Each structure stands twice: as structure tokens, then as C-alpha cells.
Amino acid sequence: MALPKIEELRELGDEEISDQILAMKKELFELRMQQATRQLEKPHLIRHAKHKLAQLMLLEGERKTGSKEK
């Protein structure tokens, strides 16, 4: 499974981005809890969740400042 592309996320609206950020934070928390209790079978999912969360937060910041740089 490849890491998510930022181009796919740029098509989302502001409200959808905020919802996705909240969902990714919850998912990352659940993955960390699974890792702490040795129940996580796919540790790469943590990296994917962190990557997607960073992309979403970048987009949210860009939209708040009005910047559209790539």
C-alpha cells in the first residue's frame, strides 16, 4: 500500500479536511494503543497515518493563510 498523495486531498473542502484531521488523530491514537499492548500486526500503518495527518494539517494551514504554493 502506497502512501497517500496530497493531490487527492487538495480536492477536499475545508470542513472535510477538518473532519479528516480529527479522524486521523483518533486512528493514530488507536494504532498507538494497539502497539503499546502488542496487538498491532501491521506497524507500517502508523507511518501511513502520520503521513496523511501531516498532509491534511499542511493543507489546513495553507488554506488559513491563503497560500497555494506547491
N, C-alpha and C. Protein backbone atom coordinates (compact mmCIF):
# COMPACT_ATOMS: atom_id res chain seq x y z
N MET A 1 0.84 -1.17 0.00
CA MET A 1 0.00 0.00 0.00
C MET A 1 0.89 1.23 0.00
N ALA A 2 0.68 2.09 -0.95
CA ALA A 2 1.49 3.29 -1.09
C ALA A 2 0.98 4.39 -0.15
N LEU A 3 1.86 5.33 0.14
CA LEU A 3 1.46 6.47 0.96
C LEU A 3 0.47 7.33 0.17
N PRO A 4 -0.47 7.98 0.86
CA PRO A 4 -1.47 8.79 0.16
C PRO A 4 -0.85 10.00 -0.53
N LYS A 5 -1.42 10.38 -1.64
CA LYS A 5 -0.94 11.52 -2.43
C LYS A 5 -1.68 12.78 -2.00
N ILE A 6 -0.96 13.89 -1.94
CA ILE A 6 -1.56 15.14 -1.50
C ILE A 6 -2.53 15.70 -2.54
N GLU A 7 -2.34 15.34 -3.80
CA GLU A 7 -3.24 15.83 -4.85
C GLU A 7 -4.67 15.35 -4.60
N GLU A 8 -4.82 14.13 -4.07
CA GLU A 8 -6.15 13.60 -3.78
C GLU A 8 -6.81 14.40 -2.66
N LEU A 9 -6.01 14.85 -1.71
CA LEU A 9 -6.56 15.58 -0.57
C LEU A 9 -6.87 17.03 -0.89
N ARG A 10 -6.21 17.60 -1.89
CA ARG A 10 -6.44 19.00 -2.25
C ARG A 10 -7.87 19.21 -2.77
N GLU A 11 -8.52 18.15 -3.22
CA GLU A 11 -9.87 18.26 -3.76
C GLU A 11 -10.93 18.37 -2.67
N LEU A 12 -10.55 18.11 -1.41
CA LEU A 12 -11.50 18.15 -0.31
C LEU A 12 -11.80 19.59 0.09
N GLY A 13 -12.99 19.78 0.65
CA GLY A 13 -13.37 21.09 1.16
C GLY A 13 -12.79 21.32 2.55
N ASP A 14 -12.92 22.54 3.05
CA ASP A 14 -12.36 22.89 4.37
C ASP A 14 -12.97 22.05 5.49
N GLU A 15 -14.27 21.88 5.47
CA GLU A 15 -14.94 21.09 6.51
C GLU A 15 -14.52 19.63 6.45
N GLU A 16 -14.39 19.10 5.24
CA GLU A 16 -13.96 17.70 5.08
C GLU A 16 -12.54 17.51 5.60
N ILE A 17 -11.68 18.50 5.38
CA ILE A 17 -10.30 18.40 5.86
C ILE A 17 -10.28 18.38 7.38
N SER A 18 -11.08 19.23 8.01
CA SER A 18 -11.14 19.25 9.47
C SER A 18 -11.65 17.92 10.02
N ASP A 19 -12.66 17.36 9.36
CA ASP A 19 -13.19 16.06 9.77
C ASP A 19 -12.15 14.96 9.61
N GLN A 20 -11.41 15.00 8.50
CA GLN A 20 -10.38 14.00 8.23
C GLN A 20 -9.25 14.10 9.27
N ILE A 21 -8.89 15.32 9.66
CA ILE A 21 -7.83 15.51 10.66
C ILE A 21 -8.25 14.87 11.97
N LEU A 22 -9.47 15.12 12.39
CA LEU A 22 -9.97 14.54 13.62
C LEU A 22 -9.99 13.01 13.54
N ALA A 23 -10.43 12.49 12.41
CA ALA A 23 -10.49 11.04 12.23
C ALA A 23 -9.09 10.41 12.24
N MET A 24 -8.12 11.09 11.62
CA MET A 24 -6.76 10.56 11.58
C MET A 24 -6.11 10.60 12.97
N LYS A 25 -6.41 11.62 13.75
CA LYS A 25 -5.88 11.68 15.11
C LYS A 25 -6.43 10.54 15.96
N LYS A 26 -7.71 10.24 15.79
CA LYS A 26 -8.32 9.12 16.52
C LYS A 26 -7.71 7.80 16.07
N GLU A 27 -7.53 7.64 14.76
CA GLU A 27 -6.95 6.40 14.23
C GLU A 27 -5.52 6.22 14.72
N LEU A 28 -4.75 7.29 14.72
CA LEU A 28 -3.37 7.23 15.18
C LEU A 28 -3.32 6.86 16.67
N PHE A 29 -4.23 7.41 17.46
CA PHE A 29 -4.30 7.05 18.87
C PHE A 29 -4.59 5.57 19.05
N GLU A 30 -5.56 5.07 18.27
CA GLU A 30 -5.92 3.65 18.37
C GLU A 30 -4.75 2.75 17.94
N LEU A 31 -4.03 3.15 16.90
CA LEU A 31 -2.87 2.37 16.45
C LEU A 31 -1.78 2.35 17.51
N ARG A 32 -1.56 3.49 18.16
CA ARG A 32 -0.54 3.55 19.22
C ARG A 32 -0.94 2.70 20.42
N MET A 33 -2.24 2.68 20.73
CA MET A 33 -2.70 1.83 21.83
C MET A 33 -2.50 0.36 21.49
N GLN A 34 -2.78 -0.01 20.24
CA GLN A 34 -2.56 -1.39 19.81
C GLN A 34 -1.09 -1.75 19.88
N GLN A 35 -0.23 -0.80 19.50
CA GLN A 35 1.21 -1.05 19.54
C GLN A 35 1.68 -1.23 20.99
N ALA A 36 1.14 -0.43 21.89
CA ALA A 36 1.55 -0.50 23.29
C ALA A 36 1.12 -1.81 23.93
N THR A 37 0.01 -2.38 23.46
CA THR A 37 -0.48 -3.64 24.03
C THR A 37 -0.07 -4.84 23.18
N ARG A 38 0.84 -4.60 22.25
CA ARG A 38 1.38 -5.67 21.38
C ARG A 38 0.31 -6.36 20.54
N GLN A 39 -0.71 -5.62 20.12
CA GLN A 39 -1.77 -6.18 19.29
C GLN A 39 -1.66 -5.73 17.84
N LEU A 40 -0.75 -4.81 17.56
CA LEU A 40 -0.62 -4.25 16.22
C LEU A 40 0.17 -5.21 15.33
N GLU A 41 -0.49 -5.69 14.28
CA GLU A 41 0.15 -6.64 13.37
C GLU A 41 0.82 -5.95 12.19
N LYS A 42 0.39 -4.74 11.87
CA LYS A 42 0.93 -4.01 10.72
C LYS A 42 1.47 -2.66 11.18
N PRO A 43 2.71 -2.63 11.66
CA PRO A 43 3.26 -1.39 12.20
C PRO A 43 3.42 -0.27 11.18
N HIS A 44 3.44 -0.60 9.91
CA HIS A 44 3.56 0.45 8.89
C HIS A 44 2.33 1.35 8.83
N LEU A 45 1.23 0.91 9.38
CA LEU A 45 0.02 1.72 9.36
C LEU A 45 0.19 3.00 10.19
N ILE A 46 1.05 2.95 11.21
CA ILE A 46 1.32 4.15 11.99
C ILE A 46 1.99 5.20 11.11
N ARG A 47 2.95 4.77 10.32
CA ARG A 47 3.66 5.69 9.42
C ARG A 47 2.69 6.30 8.40
N HIS A 48 1.80 5.49 7.86
CA HIS A 48 0.83 5.98 6.88
C HIS A 48 -0.11 7.00 7.52
N ALA A 49 -0.56 6.71 8.74
CA ALA A 49 -1.47 7.62 9.43
C ALA A 49 -0.79 8.95 9.73
N LYS A 50 0.46 8.90 10.18
CA LYS A 50 1.20 10.12 10.48
C LYS A 50 1.42 10.95 9.21
N HIS A 51 1.71 10.28 8.11
CA HIS A 51 1.95 10.95 6.84
C HIS A 51 0.67 11.66 6.36
N LYS A 52 -0.44 10.96 6.42
CA LYS A 52 -1.70 11.54 5.97
C LYS A 52 -2.12 12.69 6.87
N LEU A 53 -1.91 12.55 8.17
CA LEU A 53 -2.24 13.62 9.11
C LEU A 53 -1.40 14.86 8.81
N ALA A 54 -0.13 14.68 8.54
CA ALA A 54 0.75 15.80 8.22
C ALA A 54 0.29 16.50 6.94
N GLN A 55 -0.11 15.73 5.94
CA GLN A 55 -0.60 16.32 4.69
C GLN A 55 -1.87 17.14 4.93
N LEU A 56 -2.78 16.58 5.72
CA LEU A 56 -4.04 17.28 6.00
C LEU A 56 -3.79 18.57 6.78
N MET A 57 -2.89 18.52 7.74
CA MET A 57 -2.59 19.71 8.54
C MET A 57 -1.89 20.77 7.68
N LEU A 58 -1.06 20.33 6.73
CA LEU A 58 -0.43 21.26 5.81
C LEU A 58 -1.48 21.96 4.96
N LEU A 59 -2.43 21.21 4.43
CA LEU A 59 -3.49 21.81 3.62
C LEU A 59 -4.33 22.79 4.43
N GLU A 60 -4.63 22.41 5.66
CA GLU A 60 -5.42 23.29 6.50
C GLU A 60 -4.67 24.59 6.76
N GLY A 61 -3.39 24.51 7.03
CA GLY A 61 -2.58 25.70 7.24
C GLY A 61 -2.48 26.56 6.00
N GLU A 62 -2.32 25.92 4.84
CA GLU A 62 -2.25 26.67 3.59
C GLU A 62 -3.54 27.44 3.34
N ARG A 63 -4.65 26.81 3.61
CA ARG A 63 -5.93 27.46 3.34
C ARG A 63 -6.19 28.59 4.32
N LYS A 64 -5.73 28.45 5.55
CA LYS A 64 -5.93 29.51 6.53
C LYS A 64 -5.12 30.74 6.19
N THR A 65 -3.91 30.54 5.66
CA THR A 65 -3.07 31.68 5.29
C THR A 65 -3.31 32.16 3.87
N GLY A 66 -4.04 31.37 3.09
CA GLY A 66 -4.34 31.76 1.72
C GLY A 66 -3.23 31.41 0.75
N SER A 67 -2.26 30.65 1.20
CA SER A 67 -1.13 30.27 0.36
C SER A 67 -1.47 29.03 -0.47
N LYS A 68 -1.10 29.04 -1.73
CA LYS A 68 -1.34 27.90 -2.61
C LYS A 68 -0.04 27.39 -3.22
N GLU A 69 1.09 27.61 -2.54
CA GLU A 69 2.38 27.17 -3.07
C GLU A 69 2.49 25.66 -3.03
N LYS A 70 3.27 25.13 -3.98
CA LYS A 70 3.49 23.68 -4.03
C LYS A 70 4.91 23.37 -3.70
